[in-house]
Amino acid sequence: MYDLKIPLGMMSEILIVRNRLKKDVEKEHITQNQAERFLAEYMLRELHVISGKEAADKQVLSFIDDFREDDKSIRQKFCAGYCYYFAVMLKDAFHRGEICWCAPLGHICWVDDNGVPYDIDGVCDSDCNFFIPIRYIREGLEDFRHVPGRGFNASKEYIETAIQTFCRDVIANIENKGEKL
């Protein structure tokens, strides 16, 4: 379950949007999956889960700058597919946050507890739709590990399923037990 802290004042706004979407699904203007994805995107946008540089931790930025300062080839390596290992290193160094997939793109970053994502360039400026915890792509993570002979080659269907599962879990934060959108 993706654990979001939703302020009580915002809960009513989210429920209003949810109820509007529910009516659109009932009228068959949109599908259930479209409604769930829209609501998850709305919630994350409203909660500022994807924060900007103004919220960046100076200690984290300093660590990243010091790490890549002496050797440009280090940056190139972490930009050329080894982003997963850089995220693991940040998670280990700061003992907080979560390693996330920049969905639906082929990039991994570390998202700090305040929602700011980081990669080898500092604050991650990925054009992704969601920062999804890697537990949603357990098998697909093999594509980011680069171990010879151990790839997964995630299909479009696998990627969509992971995103949809994440969206449902985000929505589950505001839903009553088992109540559908």
N, C-alpha and C. Protein backbone atom coordinates (compact mmCIF):
# COMPACT_ATOMS: atom_id res chain seq x y z
N MET A 1 0.85 -1.18 0.00
CA MET A 1 0.00 0.00 0.00
C MET A 1 0.88 1.23 0.00
N TYR A 2 0.59 2.18 -0.86
CA TYR A 2 1.31 3.45 -0.92
C TYR A 2 0.74 4.33 0.16
N ASP A 3 1.53 4.71 1.14
CA ASP A 3 1.04 5.43 2.30
C ASP A 3 1.16 6.93 2.10
N LEU A 4 0.02 7.59 1.91
CA LEU A 4 -0.03 9.03 1.77
C LEU A 4 -0.65 9.63 3.01
N LYS A 5 -0.13 10.76 3.44
CA LYS A 5 -0.71 11.47 4.56
C LYS A 5 -1.62 12.56 3.98
N ILE A 6 -2.93 12.37 4.09
CA ILE A 6 -3.89 13.27 3.49
C ILE A 6 -4.46 14.18 4.56
N PRO A 7 -4.27 15.51 4.43
CA PRO A 7 -4.86 16.44 5.39
C PRO A 7 -6.39 16.31 5.38
N LEU A 8 -7.00 16.42 6.55
CA LEU A 8 -8.44 16.24 6.66
C LEU A 8 -9.20 17.21 5.75
N GLY A 9 -8.74 18.44 5.64
CA GLY A 9 -9.43 19.42 4.81
C GLY A 9 -9.45 19.04 3.34
N MET A 10 -8.43 18.35 2.90
CA MET A 10 -8.35 17.94 1.50
C MET A 10 -9.17 16.68 1.23
N MET A 11 -9.43 15.91 2.27
CA MET A 11 -10.16 14.66 2.10
C MET A 11 -11.52 14.90 1.43
N SER A 12 -12.24 15.94 1.83
CA SER A 12 -13.56 16.20 1.24
C SER A 12 -13.44 16.56 -0.23
N GLU A 13 -12.42 17.32 -0.62
CA GLU A 13 -12.20 17.65 -2.03
C GLU A 13 -11.95 16.39 -2.85
N ILE A 14 -11.15 15.52 -2.33
CA ILE A 14 -10.83 14.27 -3.04
C ILE A 14 -12.08 13.41 -3.18
N LEU A 15 -12.89 13.35 -2.13
CA LEU A 15 -14.11 12.56 -2.18
C LEU A 15 -15.10 13.13 -3.20
N ILE A 16 -15.15 14.46 -3.33
CA ILE A 16 -16.02 15.08 -4.33
C ILE A 16 -15.57 14.69 -5.73
N VAL A 17 -14.27 14.78 -5.99
CA VAL A 17 -13.74 14.38 -7.30
C VAL A 17 -14.02 12.91 -7.54
N ARG A 18 -13.81 12.09 -6.52
CA ARG A 18 -14.07 10.65 -6.65
C ARG A 18 -15.52 10.38 -7.02
N ASN A 19 -16.44 11.07 -6.38
CA ASN A 19 -17.86 10.85 -6.65
C ASN A 19 -18.25 11.31 -8.05
N ARG A 20 -17.65 12.40 -8.52
CA ARG A 20 -17.88 12.84 -9.90
C ARG A 20 -17.40 11.79 -10.90
N LEU A 21 -16.22 11.25 -10.63
CA LEU A 21 -15.67 10.23 -11.51
C LEU A 21 -16.53 8.97 -11.49
N LYS A 22 -17.04 8.64 -10.30
CA LYS A 22 -17.90 7.46 -10.16
C LYS A 22 -19.13 7.60 -11.06
N LYS A 23 -19.71 8.80 -11.09
CA LYS A 23 -20.88 9.04 -11.95
C LYS A 23 -20.50 8.93 -13.42
N ASP A 24 -19.32 9.43 -13.78
CA ASP A 24 -18.86 9.32 -15.18
C ASP A 24 -18.67 7.87 -15.59
N VAL A 25 -18.19 7.05 -14.67
CA VAL A 25 -18.03 5.62 -14.96
C VAL A 25 -19.41 4.97 -15.14
N GLU A 26 -20.35 5.30 -14.25
CA GLU A 26 -21.70 4.75 -14.34
C GLU A 26 -22.39 5.13 -15.65
N LYS A 27 -22.12 6.35 -16.13
CA LYS A 27 -22.71 6.81 -17.40
C LYS A 27 -21.91 6.33 -18.61
N GLU A 28 -20.82 5.61 -18.33
CA GLU A 28 -19.94 5.04 -19.36
C GLU A 28 -19.26 6.11 -20.21
N HIS A 29 -19.01 7.28 -19.59
CA HIS A 29 -18.24 8.32 -20.26
C HIS A 29 -16.74 8.02 -20.20
N ILE A 30 -16.35 7.34 -19.15
CA ILE A 30 -14.97 6.90 -18.97
C ILE A 30 -14.97 5.50 -18.38
N THR A 31 -13.83 4.82 -18.48
CA THR A 31 -13.72 3.48 -17.91
C THR A 31 -13.30 3.57 -16.45
N GLN A 32 -13.45 2.47 -15.75
CA GLN A 32 -13.01 2.39 -14.35
C GLN A 32 -11.51 2.68 -14.24
N ASN A 33 -10.73 2.10 -15.16
CA ASN A 33 -9.28 2.32 -15.13
C ASN A 33 -8.93 3.78 -15.36
N GLN A 34 -9.61 4.44 -16.29
CA GLN A 34 -9.36 5.85 -16.54
C GLN A 34 -9.68 6.69 -15.30
N ALA A 35 -10.78 6.36 -14.65
CA ALA A 35 -11.18 7.09 -13.44
C ALA A 35 -10.16 6.90 -12.33
N GLU A 36 -9.70 5.68 -12.13
CA GLU A 36 -8.72 5.41 -11.08
C GLU A 36 -7.41 6.14 -11.35
N ARG A 37 -6.99 6.12 -12.61
CA ARG A 37 -5.73 6.79 -12.95
C ARG A 37 -5.86 8.30 -12.76
N PHE A 38 -6.97 8.88 -13.21
CA PHE A 38 -7.17 10.32 -13.05
C PHE A 38 -7.18 10.70 -11.57
N LEU A 39 -7.90 9.93 -10.76
CA LEU A 39 -8.00 10.25 -9.33
C LEU A 39 -6.63 10.14 -8.66
N ALA A 40 -5.87 9.12 -9.00
CA ALA A 40 -4.53 8.98 -8.42
C ALA A 40 -3.64 10.16 -8.82
N GLU A 41 -3.69 10.54 -10.09
CA GLU A 41 -2.89 11.69 -10.55
C GLU A 41 -3.33 12.97 -9.84
N TYR A 42 -4.64 13.15 -9.70
CA TYR A 42 -5.17 14.32 -9.01
C TYR A 42 -4.70 14.37 -7.56
N MET A 43 -4.81 13.25 -6.88
CA MET A 43 -4.40 13.20 -5.47
C MET A 43 -2.92 13.53 -5.32
N LEU A 44 -2.10 12.92 -6.14
CA LEU A 44 -0.66 13.14 -6.02
C LEU A 44 -0.29 14.58 -6.36
N ARG A 45 -0.95 15.14 -7.36
CA ARG A 45 -0.68 16.53 -7.75
C ARG A 45 -1.11 17.47 -6.62
N GLU A 46 -2.29 17.24 -6.06
CA GLU A 46 -2.80 18.10 -4.99
C GLU A 46 -1.98 17.99 -3.71
N LEU A 47 -1.46 16.82 -3.46
CA LEU A 47 -0.67 16.61 -2.24
C LEU A 47 0.79 17.01 -2.42
N HIS A 48 1.15 17.43 -3.62
CA HIS A 48 2.52 17.85 -3.92
C HIS A 48 3.53 16.75 -3.61
N VAL A 49 3.16 15.52 -3.93
CA VAL A 49 4.09 14.42 -3.73
C VAL A 49 5.32 14.62 -4.61
N ILE A 50 5.09 15.15 -5.81
CA ILE A 50 6.20 15.45 -6.71
C ILE A 50 6.58 16.90 -6.46
N SER A 51 7.54 17.11 -5.58
CA SER A 51 7.92 18.45 -5.15
C SER A 51 9.04 19.01 -6.02
N GLY A 52 9.22 20.29 -5.94
CA GLY A 52 10.24 20.96 -6.73
C GLY A 52 11.53 21.17 -5.99
N LYS A 53 12.43 21.89 -6.65
CA LYS A 53 13.76 22.11 -6.11
C LYS A 53 13.75 22.91 -4.82
N GLU A 54 12.72 23.74 -4.61
CA GLU A 54 12.66 24.56 -3.39
C GLU A 54 12.56 23.70 -2.13
N ALA A 55 12.08 22.47 -2.26
CA ALA A 55 11.94 21.58 -1.11
C ALA A 55 13.12 20.62 -0.98
N ALA A 56 14.10 20.74 -1.85
CA ALA A 56 15.23 19.82 -1.86
C ALA A 56 16.07 19.95 -0.59
N ASP A 57 16.57 18.82 -0.13
CA ASP A 57 17.42 18.75 1.05
C ASP A 57 18.86 19.13 0.65
N LYS A 58 19.39 20.16 1.28
CA LYS A 58 20.75 20.64 0.94
C LYS A 58 21.81 19.59 1.19
N GLN A 59 21.63 18.78 2.23
CA GLN A 59 22.59 17.72 2.54
C GLN A 59 22.61 16.67 1.43
N VAL A 60 21.44 16.32 0.93
CA VAL A 60 21.36 15.34 -0.16
C VAL A 60 22.01 15.91 -1.42
N LEU A 61 21.69 17.15 -1.74
CA LEU A 61 22.29 17.78 -2.93
C LEU A 61 23.80 17.88 -2.82
N SER A 62 24.29 18.19 -1.63
CA SER A 62 25.73 18.26 -1.41
C SER A 62 26.39 16.89 -1.60
N PHE A 63 25.75 15.85 -1.08
CA PHE A 63 26.24 14.49 -1.24
C PHE A 63 26.35 14.14 -2.72
N ILE A 64 25.31 14.45 -3.48
CA ILE A 64 25.30 14.14 -4.91
C ILE A 64 26.39 14.94 -5.63
N ASP A 65 26.50 16.22 -5.32
CA ASP A 65 27.54 17.05 -5.96
C ASP A 65 28.93 16.54 -5.65
N ASP A 66 29.19 16.20 -4.38
CA ASP A 66 30.50 15.68 -3.99
C ASP A 66 30.79 14.36 -4.69
N PHE A 67 29.78 13.55 -4.85
CA PHE A 67 29.95 12.23 -5.45
C PHE A 67 30.37 12.31 -6.91
N ARG A 68 29.78 13.22 -7.66
CA ARG A 68 30.05 13.27 -9.10
C ARG A 68 31.03 14.36 -9.50
N GLU A 69 31.54 15.10 -8.53
CA GLU A 69 32.40 16.25 -8.79
C GLU A 69 33.67 15.91 -9.56
N ASP A 70 34.35 14.87 -9.19
CA ASP A 70 35.67 14.59 -9.73
C ASP A 70 35.70 13.83 -11.06
N ASP A 71 34.63 13.17 -11.41
CA ASP A 71 34.69 12.28 -12.57
C ASP A 71 33.39 12.32 -13.36
N LYS A 72 33.43 12.90 -14.55
CA LYS A 72 32.23 13.00 -15.39
C LYS A 72 31.76 11.62 -15.87
N SER A 73 32.67 10.65 -15.90
CA SER A 73 32.28 9.32 -16.35
C SER A 73 31.34 8.65 -15.35
N ILE A 74 31.42 9.05 -14.08
CA ILE A 74 30.51 8.52 -13.07
C ILE A 74 29.08 8.93 -13.42
N ARG A 75 28.89 10.21 -13.74
CA ARG A 75 27.57 10.69 -14.13
C ARG A 75 27.08 9.95 -15.36
N GLN A 76 27.94 9.80 -16.34
CA GLN A 76 27.55 9.11 -17.57
C GLN A 76 27.09 7.69 -17.29
N LYS A 77 27.78 7.00 -16.41
CA LYS A 77 27.42 5.62 -16.08
C LYS A 77 26.03 5.55 -15.42
N PHE A 78 25.79 6.44 -14.47
CA PHE A 78 24.49 6.43 -13.78
C PHE A 78 23.36 6.96 -14.66
N CYS A 79 23.70 7.71 -15.71
CA CYS A 79 22.68 8.17 -16.67
C CYS A 79 22.44 7.13 -17.77
N ALA A 80 23.34 6.18 -17.88
CA ALA A 80 23.26 5.18 -18.96
C ALA A 80 22.74 3.84 -18.45
N GLY A 81 21.76 3.88 -17.57
CA GLY A 81 21.11 2.65 -17.18
C GLY A 81 21.40 2.14 -15.78
N TYR A 82 22.33 2.74 -15.10
CA TYR A 82 22.66 2.26 -13.75
C TYR A 82 22.04 3.16 -12.67
N CYS A 83 20.94 3.83 -13.01
CA CYS A 83 20.25 4.72 -12.09
C CYS A 83 19.74 3.98 -10.85
N TYR A 84 19.38 2.71 -11.01
CA TYR A 84 18.90 1.92 -9.88
C TYR A 84 19.94 1.88 -8.77
N TYR A 85 21.20 1.66 -9.14
CA TYR A 85 22.25 1.55 -8.13
C TYR A 85 22.52 2.88 -7.45
N PHE A 86 22.35 3.98 -8.16
CA PHE A 86 22.51 5.29 -7.53
C PHE A 86 21.39 5.51 -6.51
N ALA A 87 20.17 5.12 -6.86
CA ALA A 87 19.04 5.24 -5.93
C ALA A 87 19.26 4.38 -4.68
N VAL A 88 19.80 3.19 -4.87
CA VAL A 88 20.10 2.31 -3.73
C VAL A 88 21.13 2.98 -2.82
N MET A 89 22.11 3.60 -3.43
CA MET A 89 23.15 4.28 -2.65
C MET A 89 22.55 5.43 -1.83
N LEU A 90 21.67 6.23 -2.42
CA LEU A 90 21.05 7.33 -1.69
C LEU A 90 20.17 6.82 -0.54
N LYS A 91 19.43 5.77 -0.81
CA LYS A 91 18.59 5.17 0.24
C LYS A 91 19.45 4.71 1.41
N ASP A 92 20.57 4.08 1.10
CA ASP A 92 21.47 3.59 2.13
C ASP A 92 22.16 4.75 2.88
N ALA A 93 22.53 5.78 2.16
CA ALA A 93 23.25 6.90 2.78
C ALA A 93 22.37 7.69 3.75
N PHE A 94 21.10 7.87 3.40
CA PHE A 94 20.24 8.74 4.21
C PHE A 94 19.22 8.00 5.06
N HIS A 95 19.13 6.68 4.93
CA HIS A 95 18.26 5.85 5.78
C HIS A 95 16.81 6.32 5.81
N ARG A 96 16.33 6.77 4.68
CA ARG A 96 14.92 7.19 4.60
C ARG A 96 14.52 7.18 3.13
N GLY A 97 13.30 7.56 2.87
CA GLY A 97 12.82 7.67 1.50
C GLY A 97 12.54 6.31 0.88
N GLU A 98 12.30 6.35 -0.43
CA GLU A 98 11.92 5.13 -1.13
C GLU A 98 12.51 5.14 -2.54
N ILE A 99 12.97 3.98 -2.99
CA ILE A 99 13.47 3.84 -4.35
C ILE A 99 12.24 3.68 -5.24
N CYS A 100 12.17 4.52 -6.28
CA CYS A 100 10.97 4.55 -7.12
C CYS A 100 11.30 4.47 -8.61
N TRP A 101 10.36 3.91 -9.33
CA TRP A 101 10.40 3.84 -10.78
C TRP A 101 9.70 5.10 -11.30
N CYS A 102 10.32 5.77 -12.25
CA CYS A 102 9.73 6.95 -12.88
C CYS A 102 8.82 6.46 -14.01
N ALA A 103 7.61 6.12 -13.66
CA ALA A 103 6.69 5.46 -14.60
C ALA A 103 6.09 6.45 -15.59
N PRO A 104 5.94 6.03 -16.82
CA PRO A 104 6.24 4.73 -17.41
C PRO A 104 7.61 4.67 -18.07
N LEU A 105 8.51 5.53 -17.68
CA LEU A 105 9.82 5.63 -18.33
C LEU A 105 10.81 4.60 -17.80
N GLY A 106 11.95 4.52 -18.42
CA GLY A 106 12.99 3.59 -18.02
C GLY A 106 14.00 4.25 -17.11
N HIS A 107 13.55 4.75 -15.97
CA HIS A 107 14.43 5.44 -15.03
C HIS A 107 14.01 5.12 -13.61
N ILE A 108 14.99 5.05 -12.73
CA ILE A 108 14.77 4.82 -11.30
C ILE A 108 15.38 6.00 -10.55
N CYS A 109 14.71 6.43 -9.49
CA CYS A 109 15.26 7.50 -8.65
C CYS A 109 14.97 7.18 -7.19
N TRP A 110 15.48 8.01 -6.32
CA TRP A 110 15.20 7.89 -4.89
C TRP A 110 14.30 9.06 -4.52
N VAL A 111 13.17 8.78 -3.87
CA VAL A 111 12.24 9.82 -3.45
C VAL A 111 12.34 9.96 -1.94
N ASP A 112 12.72 11.15 -1.50
CA ASP A 112 12.88 11.43 -0.07
C ASP A 112 11.51 11.44 0.60
N ASP A 113 11.50 11.41 1.91
CA ASP A 113 10.25 11.36 2.67
C ASP A 113 9.34 12.56 2.41
N ASN A 114 9.92 13.70 2.00
CA ASN A 114 9.09 14.88 1.72
C ASN A 114 8.59 14.91 0.28
N GLY A 115 8.85 13.85 -0.48
CA GLY A 115 8.33 13.76 -1.84
C GLY A 115 9.27 14.25 -2.92
N VAL A 116 10.45 14.74 -2.57
CA VAL A 116 11.39 15.24 -3.58
C VAL A 116 12.18 14.05 -4.15
N PRO A 117 12.15 13.90 -5.48
CA PRO A 117 12.90 12.81 -6.12
C PRO A 117 14.32 13.25 -6.48
N TYR A 118 15.28 12.33 -6.33
CA TYR A 118 16.69 12.63 -6.64
C TYR A 118 17.27 11.54 -7.54
N ASP A 119 18.19 11.96 -8.39
CA ASP A 119 19.01 11.04 -9.18
C ASP A 119 20.40 11.64 -9.28
N ILE A 120 21.23 11.15 -10.16
CA ILE A 120 22.62 11.61 -10.27
C ILE A 120 22.73 13.10 -10.59
N ASP A 121 21.68 13.70 -11.14
CA ASP A 121 21.71 15.13 -11.48
C ASP A 121 21.16 16.02 -10.37
N GLY A 122 20.87 15.45 -9.21
CA GLY A 122 20.30 16.23 -8.11
C GLY A 122 18.81 15.95 -8.04
N VAL A 123 17.99 17.02 -8.05
CA VAL A 123 16.54 16.82 -8.06
C VAL A 123 16.17 16.25 -9.42
N CYS A 124 15.50 15.13 -9.41
CA CYS A 124 15.12 14.43 -10.64
C CYS A 124 14.08 15.24 -11.39
N ASP A 125 14.37 15.54 -12.65
CA ASP A 125 13.42 16.32 -13.45
C ASP A 125 12.74 15.46 -14.52
N SER A 126 12.54 14.21 -14.21
CA SER A 126 11.91 13.28 -15.13
C SER A 126 10.51 13.74 -15.52
N ASP A 127 10.15 13.50 -16.75
CA ASP A 127 8.81 13.83 -17.24
C ASP A 127 7.83 12.68 -17.00
N CYS A 128 8.06 11.92 -15.97
CA CYS A 128 7.23 10.75 -15.70
C CYS A 128 5.86 11.16 -15.16
N ASN A 129 4.93 10.23 -15.19
CA ASN A 129 3.59 10.45 -14.65
C ASN A 129 3.53 10.19 -13.15
N PHE A 130 4.30 9.20 -12.70
CA PHE A 130 4.28 8.80 -11.29
C PHE A 130 5.67 8.38 -10.86
N PHE A 131 5.95 8.57 -9.58
CA PHE A 131 7.12 7.96 -8.94
C PHE A 131 6.56 6.77 -8.16
N ILE A 132 6.75 5.58 -8.69
CA ILE A 132 6.13 4.38 -8.14
C ILE A 132 7.18 3.55 -7.39
N PRO A 133 6.92 3.21 -6.13
CA PRO A 133 7.87 2.38 -5.39
C PRO A 133 8.20 1.10 -6.17
N ILE A 134 9.46 0.70 -6.11
CA ILE A 134 9.91 -0.43 -6.93
C ILE A 134 9.25 -1.75 -6.55
N ARG A 135 8.61 -1.83 -5.42
CA ARG A 135 7.92 -3.08 -5.06
C ARG A 135 6.80 -3.40 -6.05
N TYR A 136 6.37 -2.42 -6.82
CA TYR A 136 5.33 -2.65 -7.83
C TYR A 136 5.89 -3.26 -9.11
N ILE A 137 7.21 -3.30 -9.23
CA ILE A 137 7.82 -3.87 -10.45
C ILE A 137 8.92 -4.85 -10.07
N ARG A 138 8.64 -5.72 -9.15
CA ARG A 138 9.67 -6.66 -8.65
C ARG A 138 10.38 -7.39 -9.78
N GLU A 139 9.64 -8.00 -10.69
CA GLU A 139 10.27 -8.73 -11.80
C GLU A 139 10.92 -7.76 -12.77
N GLY A 140 10.24 -6.65 -13.04
CA GLY A 140 10.74 -5.66 -13.99
C GLY A 140 12.02 -4.99 -13.55
N LEU A 141 12.31 -5.06 -12.26
CA LEU A 141 13.53 -4.46 -11.73
C LEU A 141 14.78 -5.09 -12.34
N GLU A 142 14.65 -6.32 -12.80
CA GLU A 142 15.79 -7.00 -13.44
C GLU A 142 16.32 -6.20 -14.63
N ASP A 143 15.44 -5.46 -15.30
CA ASP A 143 15.87 -4.66 -16.44
C ASP A 143 16.78 -3.51 -16.02
N PHE A 144 16.73 -3.12 -14.75
CA PHE A 144 17.55 -2.02 -14.25
C PHE A 144 18.83 -2.51 -13.56
N ARG A 145 18.91 -3.78 -13.28
CA ARG A 145 20.07 -4.32 -12.56
C ARG A 145 21.26 -4.59 -13.48
N HIS A 146 21.02 -4.85 -14.73
CA HIS A 146 22.08 -5.06 -15.74
C HIS A 146 23.00 -6.24 -15.42
N VAL A 147 22.45 -7.28 -14.83
CA VAL A 147 23.22 -8.48 -14.59
C VAL A 147 23.16 -9.32 -15.88
N PRO A 148 24.30 -9.66 -16.46
CA PRO A 148 24.31 -10.42 -17.72
C PRO A 148 23.47 -11.70 -17.61
N GLY A 149 22.61 -11.89 -18.59
CA GLY A 149 21.77 -13.08 -18.64
C GLY A 149 20.52 -13.03 -17.79
N ARG A 150 20.30 -11.91 -17.09
CA ARG A 150 19.13 -11.81 -16.21
C ARG A 150 18.32 -10.56 -16.53
N GLY A 151 17.66 -10.55 -17.66
CA GLY A 151 16.79 -9.44 -18.01
C GLY A 151 15.34 -9.87 -17.90
N PHE A 152 14.45 -8.92 -17.94
CA PHE A 152 13.03 -9.22 -17.86
C PHE A 152 12.28 -8.78 -19.11
N ASN A 153 12.72 -7.67 -19.71
CA ASN A 153 12.06 -7.10 -20.89
C ASN A 153 10.56 -6.86 -20.64
N ALA A 154 10.29 -5.95 -19.73
CA ALA A 154 8.91 -5.65 -19.33
C ALA A 154 8.05 -5.28 -20.53
N SER A 155 6.92 -5.94 -20.64
CA SER A 155 5.98 -5.67 -21.74
C SER A 155 5.15 -4.43 -21.42
N LYS A 156 4.50 -3.91 -22.43
CA LYS A 156 3.61 -2.76 -22.24
C LYS A 156 2.50 -3.13 -21.25
N GLU A 157 2.00 -4.36 -21.35
CA GLU A 157 0.95 -4.83 -20.44
C GLU A 157 1.45 -4.88 -18.99
N TYR A 158 2.68 -5.36 -18.79
CA TYR A 158 3.26 -5.41 -17.45
C TYR A 158 3.35 -4.00 -16.86
N ILE A 159 3.82 -3.06 -17.67
CA ILE A 159 3.98 -1.68 -17.23
C ILE A 159 2.62 -1.08 -16.87
N GLU A 160 1.62 -1.27 -17.73
CA GLU A 160 0.28 -0.74 -17.45
C GLU A 160 -0.33 -1.36 -16.20
N THR A 161 -0.11 -2.65 -16.00
CA THR A 161 -0.63 -3.32 -14.81
C THR A 161 0.01 -2.76 -13.54
N ALA A 162 1.31 -2.54 -13.58
CA ALA A 162 2.01 -1.97 -12.42
C ALA A 162 1.48 -0.57 -12.11
N ILE A 163 1.29 0.24 -13.14
CA ILE A 163 0.77 1.60 -12.93
C ILE A 163 -0.65 1.55 -12.37
N GLN A 164 -1.48 0.68 -12.92
CA GLN A 164 -2.86 0.59 -12.47
C GLN A 164 -2.94 0.09 -11.02
N THR A 165 -2.11 -0.86 -10.66
CA THR A 165 -2.08 -1.36 -9.28
C THR A 165 -1.67 -0.24 -8.33
N PHE A 166 -0.67 0.52 -8.72
CA PHE A 166 -0.24 1.66 -7.91
C PHE A 166 -1.38 2.66 -7.74
N CYS A 167 -2.05 3.00 -8.84
CA CYS A 167 -3.17 3.95 -8.77
C CYS A 167 -4.25 3.46 -7.82
N ARG A 168 -4.56 2.19 -7.90
CA ARG A 168 -5.59 1.62 -7.00
C ARG A 168 -5.15 1.71 -5.54
N ASP A 169 -3.87 1.48 -5.29
CA ASP A 169 -3.38 1.57 -3.92
C ASP A 169 -3.39 3.01 -3.40
N VAL A 170 -3.10 3.96 -4.27
CA VAL A 170 -3.18 5.37 -3.86
C VAL A 170 -4.61 5.70 -3.48
N ILE A 171 -5.55 5.28 -4.30
CA ILE A 171 -6.96 5.55 -4.05
C ILE A 171 -7.43 4.85 -2.77
N ALA A 172 -6.88 3.68 -2.49
CA ALA A 172 -7.28 2.93 -1.30
C ALA A 172 -7.03 3.70 -0.01
N ASN A 173 -6.18 4.74 -0.07
CA ASN A 173 -5.93 5.56 1.09
C ASN A 173 -7.16 6.35 1.51
N ILE A 174 -8.07 6.60 0.57
CA ILE A 174 -9.25 7.40 0.92
C ILE A 174 -10.53 6.59 0.91
N GLU A 175 -10.44 5.38 0.44
CA GLU A 175 -11.64 4.55 0.32
C GLU A 175 -11.93 3.81 1.64
N ASN A 176 -13.19 3.53 1.84
CA ASN A 176 -13.56 2.65 2.95
C ASN A 176 -13.21 1.23 2.52
N LYS A 177 -13.20 0.31 3.46
CA LYS A 177 -12.82 -1.07 3.16
C LYS A 177 -13.57 -1.62 1.96
N GLY A 178 -12.82 -1.88 0.90
CA GLY A 178 -13.37 -2.53 -0.26
C GLY A 178 -14.31 -1.71 -1.12
N GLU A 179 -14.63 -0.46 -0.75
CA GLU A 179 -15.55 0.34 -1.54
C GLU A 179 -14.88 0.73 -2.85
N LYS A 180 -15.57 0.54 -3.94
CA LYS A 180 -15.04 0.87 -5.27
C LYS A 180 -15.16 2.35 -5.54
N LEU A 181 -14.37 2.81 -6.49
CA LEU A 181 -14.44 4.19 -6.94
C LEU A 181 -15.82 4.49 -7.34
